[in-house]
């Protein structure tokens, strides 16, 4: 488990581990906060806009992110977090009913090639890099709301859902699904993958941030311990 706290007293809404450092964003300020793995503040990187769902993409050595209040746009940066452009996701032609608001995005390399995975409140879709939908990946059950989604290989994904006040993380590995209920003292803020491992960014009492391992190389989900 990794612990850190932003020095602006805001909650981290995005975090990832890269080069033995934690990179975190709060979705409100145009900065990326950098910490060592012990949670000690290292530096601050000024960026073009306030980012959310910031993820590093090994395939192109850059990042993708959502922009605060920027609708269905997926932003791209280089490895130094310089913004390069964006893709506008086209959802008008989706014929599967109301899908709700965009909640999560990431870039992946799957059998369809370089693609974008976009999670909406009621369904998850694969898009091409021009923003055109390719296929549906999964759909929320009943009164569930999809809050988080990350694909970490062919037929491998982790999804966060919320229903009746409870948050659940489910990992699907080639059709084999395992779920865990998030402890009520924790707030799931983001899922991210590193190889075959899945991690979650959680909040505790708002300002206290935790990165916890959830799934590793086919093993069962671990107990979430804050």
C-alpha atoms as a PDB file:
ATOM      1  CA  UNK A   1       0.000   0.000   0.000  1.00  0.00           C
ATOM      2  CA  UNK A   2       1.136   3.552  -0.796  1.00  0.00           C
ATOM      3  CA  UNK A   3       0.008   6.638   1.126  1.00  0.00           C
ATOM      4  CA  UNK A   4       0.281  10.296   0.163  1.00  0.00           C
ATOM      5  CA  UNK A   5      -1.472  13.625   0.703  1.00  0.00           C
ATOM      6  CA  UNK A   6      -1.599  16.585  -1.663  1.00  0.00           C
ATOM      7  CA  UNK A   7      -0.121  19.763  -0.233  1.00  0.00           C
ATOM      8  CA  UNK A   8      -3.145  21.822  -1.383  1.00  0.00           C
ATOM      9  CA  UNK A   9      -5.514  19.861   0.904  1.00  0.00           C
ATOM     10  CA  UNK A  10      -7.543  18.593  -2.072  1.00  0.00           C
ATOM     11  CA  UNK A  11      -8.337  14.971  -2.763  1.00  0.00           C
ATOM     12  CA  UNK A  12      -6.430  13.145  -5.501  1.00  0.00           C
ATOM     13  CA  UNK A  13      -8.821  11.988  -8.213  1.00  0.00           C
ATOM     14  CA  UNK A  14      -6.116  10.382 -10.384  1.00  0.00           C
ATOM     15  CA  UNK A  15      -2.907   8.592  -9.522  1.00  0.00           C
ATOM     16  CA  UNK A  16      -0.443   6.216 -11.143  1.00  0.00           C
ATOM     17  CA  UNK A  17       2.965   4.740 -10.423  1.00  0.00           C
ATOM     18  CA  UNK A  18       5.792   5.367 -12.910  1.00  0.00           C
ATOM     19  CA  UNK A  19       9.584   5.456 -12.581  1.00  0.00           C
ATOM     20  CA  UNK A  20       9.342   4.683  -8.866  1.00  0.00           C
ATOM     21  CA  UNK A  21       7.202   7.765  -8.280  1.00  0.00           C
ATOM     22  CA  UNK A  22       3.525   8.501  -7.762  1.00  0.00           C
ATOM     23  CA  UNK A  23       1.955  10.997 -10.160  1.00  0.00           C
ATOM     24  CA  UNK A  24      -1.326  12.463  -8.904  1.00  0.00           C
ATOM     25  CA  UNK A  25      -3.907  14.978 -10.119  1.00  0.00           C
ATOM     26  CA  UNK A  26      -6.831  16.573  -8.314  1.00  0.00           C
ATOM     27  CA  UNK A  27      -9.066  17.452 -11.292  1.00  0.00           C
ATOM     28  CA  UNK A  28      -9.248  21.094 -10.181  1.00  0.00           C
ATOM     29  CA  UNK A  29      -5.794  22.641 -10.552  1.00  0.00           C
ATOM     30  CA  UNK A  30      -3.491  22.622 -13.603  1.00  0.00           C
ATOM     31  CA  UNK A  31      -0.773  20.664 -11.824  1.00  0.00           C
ATOM     32  CA  UNK A  32       0.515  17.115 -11.480  1.00  0.00           C
ATOM     33  CA  UNK A  33       1.864  16.323  -8.019  1.00  0.00           C
ATOM     34  CA  UNK A  34       4.850  13.961  -7.825  1.00  0.00           C
ATOM     35  CA  UNK A  35       5.760  11.885  -4.751  1.00  0.00           C
ATOM     36  CA  UNK A  36       8.265   9.163  -3.993  1.00  0.00           C
ATOM     37  CA  UNK A  37       6.882   5.738  -3.072  1.00  0.00           C
ATOM     38  CA  UNK A  38       7.092   6.616   0.627  1.00  0.00           C
ATOM     39  CA  UNK A  39       4.623   9.443   0.065  1.00  0.00           C
ATOM     40  CA  UNK A  40       7.154  12.257   0.325  1.00  0.00           C
ATOM     41  CA  UNK A  41       6.461  15.255  -1.910  1.00  0.00           C
ATOM     42  CA  UNK A  42       8.977  15.508  -4.759  1.00  0.00           C
ATOM     43  CA  UNK A  43       7.839  18.136  -7.271  1.00  0.00           C
ATOM     44  CA  UNK A  44       4.945  19.749  -9.096  1.00  0.00           C
ATOM     45  CA  UNK A  45       4.504  19.770 -12.882  1.00  0.00           C
ATOM     46  CA  UNK A  46       2.445  22.542 -14.467  1.00  0.00           C
ATOM     47  CA  UNK A  47       0.126  21.255 -17.216  1.00  0.00           C
ATOM     48  CA  UNK A  48      -2.267  22.744 -19.757  1.00  0.00           C
ATOM     49  CA  UNK A  49      -5.506  22.058 -17.902  1.00  0.00           C
ATOM     50  CA  UNK A  50      -6.920  20.324 -14.826  1.00  0.00           C
ATOM     51  CA  UNK A  51      -6.747  16.627 -15.668  1.00  0.00           C
ATOM     52  CA  UNK A  52      -8.744  13.691 -14.415  1.00  0.00           C
ATOM     53  CA  UNK A  53      -8.304   9.953 -15.128  1.00  0.00           C
ATOM     54  CA  UNK A  54      -4.648  10.532 -15.949  1.00  0.00           C
ATOM     55  CA  UNK A  55      -2.980   7.321 -17.179  1.00  0.00           C
ATOM     56  CA  UNK A  56       0.381   6.508 -18.727  1.00  0.00           C
ATOM     57  CA  UNK A  57       0.309   4.523 -21.976  1.00  0.00           C
ATOM     58  CA  UNK A  58       3.288   2.240 -22.504  1.00  0.00           C
ATOM     59  CA  UNK A  59       2.461   1.851 -26.196  1.00  0.00           C
ATOM     60  CA  UNK A  60       3.138   5.474 -27.129  1.00  0.00           C
ATOM     61  CA  UNK A  61       5.073   6.648 -24.044  1.00  0.00           C
ATOM     62  CA  UNK A  62       2.536   9.343 -23.272  1.00  0.00           C
ATOM     63  CA  UNK A  63      -0.548   9.999 -21.168  1.00  0.00           C
ATOM     64  CA  UNK A  64      -4.284  10.169 -21.723  1.00  0.00           C
ATOM     65  CA  UNK A  65      -6.703  12.088 -19.522  1.00  0.00           C
ATOM     66  CA  UNK A  66     -10.075  13.712 -19.253  1.00  0.00           C
ATOM     67  CA  UNK A  67     -10.286  17.473 -18.860  1.00  0.00           C
ATOM     68  CA  UNK A  68     -12.476  19.000 -16.176  1.00  0.00           C
ATOM     69  CA  UNK A  69     -15.759  20.083 -17.796  1.00  0.00           C
ATOM     70  CA  UNK A  70     -14.586  19.124 -21.296  1.00  0.00           C
ATOM     71  CA  UNK A  71     -17.333  16.634 -22.160  1.00  0.00           C
ATOM     72  CA  UNK A  72     -16.399  13.567 -24.213  1.00  0.00           C
ATOM     73  CA  UNK A  73     -12.889  14.688 -25.144  1.00  0.00           C
ATOM     74  CA  UNK A  74      -9.886  12.434 -24.551  1.00  0.00           C
ATOM     75  CA  UNK A  75      -6.670  14.435 -24.198  1.00  0.00           C
ATOM     76  CA  UNK A  76      -3.177  13.217 -25.095  1.00  0.00           C
ATOM     77  CA  UNK A  77       0.183  14.338 -23.738  1.00  0.00           C
ATOM     78  CA  UNK A  78       3.758  13.292 -24.340  1.00  0.00           C
ATOM     79  CA  UNK A  79       5.933  11.621 -21.695  1.00  0.00           C
ATOM     80  CA  UNK A  80       6.693  15.054 -20.194  1.00  0.00           C
ATOM     81  CA  UNK A  81       2.976  15.895 -19.883  1.00  0.00           C
ATOM     82  CA  UNK A  82       2.985  18.429 -22.722  1.00  0.00           C
ATOM     83  CA  UNK A  83      -0.490  18.368 -24.259  1.00  0.00           C
ATOM     84  CA  UNK A  84      -0.525  17.194 -27.884  1.00  0.00           C
ATOM     85  CA  UNK A  85      -4.208  17.168 -28.821  1.00  0.00           C
ATOM     86  CA  UNK A  86      -7.488  15.402 -28.217  1.00  0.00           C
ATOM     87  CA  UNK A  87     -10.083  13.030 -29.650  1.00  0.00           C
ATOM     88  CA  UNK A  88     -13.792  13.842 -29.481  1.00  0.00           C
ATOM     89  CA  UNK A  89     -15.787  10.665 -28.834  1.00  0.00           C
ATOM     90  CA  UNK A  90     -18.835  10.292 -31.084  1.00  0.00           C
ATOM     91  CA  UNK A  91     -21.789   8.858 -29.144  1.00  0.00           C
ATOM     92  CA  UNK A  92     -24.735   9.989 -31.299  1.00  0.00           C
ATOM     93  CA  UNK A  93     -24.802   6.730 -33.262  1.00  0.00           C
ATOM     94  CA  UNK A  94     -24.847   4.420 -30.236  1.00  0.00           C
ATOM     95  CA  UNK A  95     -28.150   2.557 -30.452  1.00  0.00           C
ATOM     96  CA  UNK A  96     -28.218   0.931 -27.034  1.00  0.00           C
ATOM     97  CA  UNK A  97     -30.387   3.384 -25.100  1.00  0.00           C
ATOM     98  CA  UNK A  98     -29.257   5.982 -22.606  1.00  0.00           C
ATOM     99  CA  UNK A  99     -25.634   5.423 -21.620  1.00  0.00           C
ATOM    100  CA  UNK A 100     -25.264   8.342 -19.239  1.00  0.00           C
ATOM    101  CA  UNK A 101     -22.244  10.554 -18.662  1.00  0.00           C
ATOM    102  CA  UNK A 102     -18.639   9.654 -19.458  1.00  0.00           C
ATOM    103  CA  UNK A 103     -16.933   8.414 -16.277  1.00  0.00           C
ATOM    104  CA  UNK A 104     -13.591   6.917 -17.368  1.00  0.00           C
ATOM    105  CA  UNK A 105     -11.239   6.585 -20.353  1.00  0.00           C
ATOM    106  CA  UNK A 106      -7.954   4.890 -21.224  1.00  0.00           C
ATOM    107  CA  UNK A 107      -5.938   3.953 -24.320  1.00  0.00           C
ATOM    108  CA  UNK A 108      -5.277   0.278 -25.068  1.00  0.00           C
ATOM    109  CA  UNK A 109      -3.708  -1.995 -27.663  1.00  0.00           C
ATOM    110  CA  UNK A 110      -6.183  -4.804 -28.429  1.00  0.00           C
ATOM    111  CA  UNK A 111      -6.907  -7.001 -31.443  1.00  0.00           C
ATOM    112  CA  UNK A 112      -8.590  -4.004 -33.084  1.00  0.00           C
ATOM    113  CA  UNK A 113      -5.319  -2.065 -32.791  1.00  0.00           C
ATOM    114  CA  UNK A 114      -4.728   1.160 -30.907  1.00  0.00           C
ATOM    115  CA  UNK A 115      -8.073   2.020 -29.338  1.00  0.00           C
ATOM    116  CA  UNK A 116      -9.810   4.023 -26.625  1.00  0.00           C
ATOM    117  CA  UNK A 117     -11.880   2.408 -23.894  1.00  0.00           C
ATOM    118  CA  UNK A 118     -14.603   4.730 -22.647  1.00  0.00           C
ATOM    119  CA  UNK A 119     -16.836   3.972 -19.678  1.00  0.00           C
ATOM    120  CA  UNK A 120     -20.183   5.673 -19.336  1.00  0.00           C
ATOM    121  CA  UNK A 121     -22.587   5.366 -16.424  1.00  0.00           C
ATOM    122  CA  UNK A 122     -24.472   2.471 -18.030  1.00  0.00           C
ATOM    123  CA  UNK A 123     -22.092   0.882 -20.552  1.00  0.00           C
ATOM    124  CA  UNK A 124     -18.459   0.582 -21.666  1.00  0.00           C
ATOM    125  CA  UNK A 125     -17.453   0.919 -25.319  1.00  0.00           C
ATOM    126  CA  UNK A 126     -14.343   0.555 -27.450  1.00  0.00           C
ATOM    127  CA  UNK A 127     -13.642   3.484 -29.795  1.00  0.00           C
ATOM    128  CA  UNK A 128     -11.073   3.945 -32.548  1.00  0.00           C
ATOM    129  CA  UNK A 129      -8.567   6.782 -32.261  1.00  0.00           C
ATOM    130  CA  UNK A 130     -10.814   9.021 -34.402  1.00  0.00           C
ATOM    131  CA  UNK A 131     -13.538   8.729 -31.780  1.00  0.00           C
ATOM    132  CA  UNK A 132     -15.836   6.323 -33.636  1.00  0.00           C
ATOM    133  CA  UNK A 133     -17.433   3.479 -31.610  1.00  0.00           C
ATOM    134  CA  UNK A 134     -16.281  -0.051 -32.484  1.00  0.00           C
ATOM    135  CA  UNK A 135     -18.152  -2.318 -30.084  1.00  0.00           C
ATOM    136  CA  UNK A 136     -19.712  -2.613 -26.662  1.00  0.00           C
ATOM    137  CA  UNK A 137     -17.526  -4.247 -24.011  1.00  0.00           C
ATOM    138  CA  UNK A 138     -19.960  -4.570 -21.122  1.00  0.00           C
ATOM    139  CA  UNK A 139     -23.053  -3.034 -19.584  1.00  0.00           C
ATOM    140  CA  UNK A 140     -24.204  -2.145 -16.083  1.00  0.00           C
ATOM    141  CA  UNK A 141     -26.702  -4.454 -14.407  1.00  0.00           C
ATOM    142  CA  UNK A 142     -30.015  -3.093 -13.149  1.00  0.00           C
ATOM    143  CA  UNK A 143     -29.563  -0.027 -10.978  1.00  0.00           C
ATOM    144  CA  UNK A 144     -25.738  -0.156 -11.083  1.00  0.00           C
ATOM    145  CA  UNK A 145     -23.718   2.891 -12.135  1.00  0.00           C
ATOM    146  CA  UNK A 146     -20.297   2.345 -13.700  1.00  0.00           C
ATOM    147  CA  UNK A 147     -17.762   4.610 -11.999  1.00  0.00           C
ATOM    148  CA  UNK A 148     -14.404   3.168 -13.107  1.00  0.00           C
ATOM    149  CA  UNK A 149     -13.035   0.899 -15.833  1.00  0.00           C
ATOM    150  CA  UNK A 150      -9.606  -0.282 -16.977  1.00  0.00           C
ATOM    151  CA  UNK A 151      -8.707  -2.888 -19.615  1.00  0.00           C
ATOM    152  CA  UNK A 152      -5.377  -4.635 -18.993  1.00  0.00           C
ATOM    153  CA  UNK A 153      -5.278  -7.131 -21.882  1.00  0.00           C
ATOM    154  CA  UNK A 154      -7.460  -9.068 -24.287  1.00  0.00           C
ATOM    155  CA  UNK A 155     -10.623 -10.123 -22.414  1.00  0.00           C
ATOM    156  CA  UNK A 156      -9.207  -8.688 -19.184  1.00  0.00           C
ATOM    157  CA  UNK A 157     -10.707  -5.750 -17.375  1.00  0.00           C
ATOM    158  CA  UNK A 158     -11.512  -4.299 -13.973  1.00  0.00           C
ATOM    159  CA  UNK A 159     -14.701  -2.353 -13.364  1.00  0.00           C
ATOM    160  CA  UNK A 160     -15.945  -0.264 -10.465  1.00  0.00           C
ATOM    161  CA  UNK A 161     -19.702   0.007  -9.936  1.00  0.00           C
ATOM    162  CA  UNK A 162     -21.942   1.655  -7.391  1.00  0.00           C
ATOM    163  CA  UNK A 163     -25.404   0.505  -6.360  1.00  0.00           C
ATOM    164  CA  UNK A 164     -27.547   1.327  -3.322  1.00  0.00           C
ATOM    165  CA  UNK A 165     -24.677   3.248  -1.731  1.00  0.00           C
ATOM    166  CA  UNK A 166     -22.138   0.407  -2.013  1.00  0.00           C
ATOM    167  CA  UNK A 167     -19.075   0.313  -4.304  1.00  0.00           C
ATOM    168  CA  UNK A 168     -17.863  -2.947  -5.839  1.00  0.00           C
ATOM    169  CA  UNK A 169     -14.730  -3.721  -7.871  1.00  0.00           C
ATOM    170  CA  UNK A 170     -14.964  -6.686 -10.246  1.00  0.00           C
ATOM    171  CA  UNK A 171     -12.041  -8.147 -12.193  1.00  0.00           C
ATOM    172  CA  UNK A 172     -12.823 -10.224 -15.283  1.00  0.00           C
ATOM    173  CA  UNK A 173      -9.916 -12.339 -16.572  1.00  0.00           C
ATOM    174  CA  UNK A 174     -10.940 -14.291 -19.679  1.00  0.00           C
ATOM    175  CA  UNK A 175     -14.476 -14.610 -18.372  1.00  0.00           C
ATOM    176  CA  UNK A 176     -13.494 -15.539 -14.817  1.00  0.00           C
ATOM    177  CA  UNK A 177     -14.916 -12.857 -12.545  1.00  0.00           C
ATOM    178  CA  UNK A 178     -14.035 -11.989  -8.956  1.00  0.00           C
ATOM    179  CA  UNK A 179     -15.574  -9.159  -6.945  1.00  0.00           C
ATOM    180  CA  UNK A 180     -14.936  -7.332  -3.714  1.00  0.00           C
ATOM    181  CA  UNK A 181     -17.051  -4.769  -1.866  1.00  0.00           C
ATOM    182  CA  UNK A 182     -15.155  -1.568  -1.074  1.00  0.00           C
ATOM    183  CA  UNK A 183     -14.924  -0.859   2.634  1.00  0.00           C
ATOM    184  CA  UNK A 184     -17.349   1.922   3.549  1.00  0.00           C
ATOM    185  CA  UNK A 185     -14.484   3.947   5.051  1.00  0.00           C
ATOM    186  CA  UNK A 186     -12.805   4.118   1.636  1.00  0.00           C
ATOM    187  CA  UNK A 187     -13.874   5.943  -1.522  1.00  0.00           C
ATOM    188  CA  UNK A 188     -12.833   4.433  -4.875  1.00  0.00           C
ATOM    189  CA  UNK A 189     -11.468   7.201  -7.078  1.00  0.00           C
ATOM    190  CA  UNK A 190      -9.678   5.404  -9.916  1.00  0.00           C
ATOM    191  CA  UNK A 191      -8.410   2.040 -11.167  1.00  0.00           C
ATOM    192  CA  UNK A 192      -5.140   1.651 -13.048  1.00  0.00           C
ATOM    193  CA  UNK A 193      -3.077  -1.248 -14.369  1.00  0.00           C
ATOM    194  CA  UNK A 194       0.620  -2.034 -14.405  1.00  0.00           C
ATOM    195  CA  UNK A 195       1.243  -5.126 -16.510  1.00  0.00           C
ATOM    196  CA  UNK A 196      -1.027  -7.876 -15.172  1.00  0.00           C
ATOM    197  CA  UNK A 197      -1.553  -6.031 -11.897  1.00  0.00           C
ATOM    198  CA  UNK A 198      -4.532  -3.836 -11.063  1.00  0.00           C
ATOM    199  CA  UNK A 199      -4.380  -1.089  -8.444  1.00  0.00           C
ATOM    200  CA  UNK A 200      -6.975   1.235  -7.012  1.00  0.00           C
ATOM    201  CA  UNK A 201      -6.690   4.819  -5.845  1.00  0.00           C
ATOM    202  CA  UNK A 202      -8.842   5.252  -2.762  1.00  0.00           C
ATOM    203  CA  UNK A 203      -9.669   8.187  -0.556  1.00  0.00           C
ATOM    204  CA  UNK A 204      -9.910   8.021   3.218  1.00  0.00           C
ATOM    205  CA  UNK A 205     -11.418  10.987   5.111  1.00  0.00           C
ATOM    206  CA  UNK A 206     -11.177  12.996   1.866  1.00  0.00           C
ATOM    207  CA  UNK A 207      -7.573  14.282   1.963  1.00  0.00           C
ATOM    208  CA  UNK A 208      -5.819  10.978   2.728  1.00  0.00           C
ATOM    209  CA  UNK A 209      -4.985   9.037  -0.423  1.00  0.00           C
ATOM    210  CA  UNK A 210      -4.231   5.315  -0.624  1.00  0.00           C
ATOM    211  CA  UNK A 211      -3.025   3.185  -3.532  1.00  0.00           C
ATOM    212  CA  UNK A 212      -3.928  -0.441  -2.861  1.00  0.00           C
ATOM    213  CA  UNK A 213      -3.217  -3.599  -4.900  1.00  0.00           C
ATOM    214  CA  UNK A 214      -6.403  -5.295  -6.047  1.00  0.00           C
ATOM    215  CA  UNK A 215      -5.408  -8.057  -8.475  1.00  0.00           C
ATOM    216  CA  UNK A 216      -2.081  -9.643  -9.398  1.00  0.00           C
ATOM    217  CA  UNK A 217      -1.233 -12.244 -12.067  1.00  0.00           C
ATOM    218  CA  UNK A 218      -4.456 -14.186 -11.833  1.00  0.00           C
ATOM    219  CA  UNK A 219      -4.587 -14.304  -8.041  1.00  0.00           C
ATOM    220  CA  UNK A 220      -7.780 -13.612  -6.153  1.00  0.00           C
ATOM    221  CA  UNK A 221      -8.755 -10.117  -5.125  1.00  0.00           C
ATOM    222  CA  UNK A 222      -7.016  -8.959  -1.998  1.00  0.00           C
ATOM    223  CA  UNK A 223      -8.694  -7.535   1.080  1.00  0.00           C
ATOM    224  CA  UNK A 224      -8.830  -3.762   0.931  1.00  0.00           C
ATOM    225  CA  UNK A 225      -7.054  -2.569   4.060  1.00  0.00           C
ATOM    226  CA  UNK A 226      -6.778   1.159   4.666  1.00  0.00           C
END
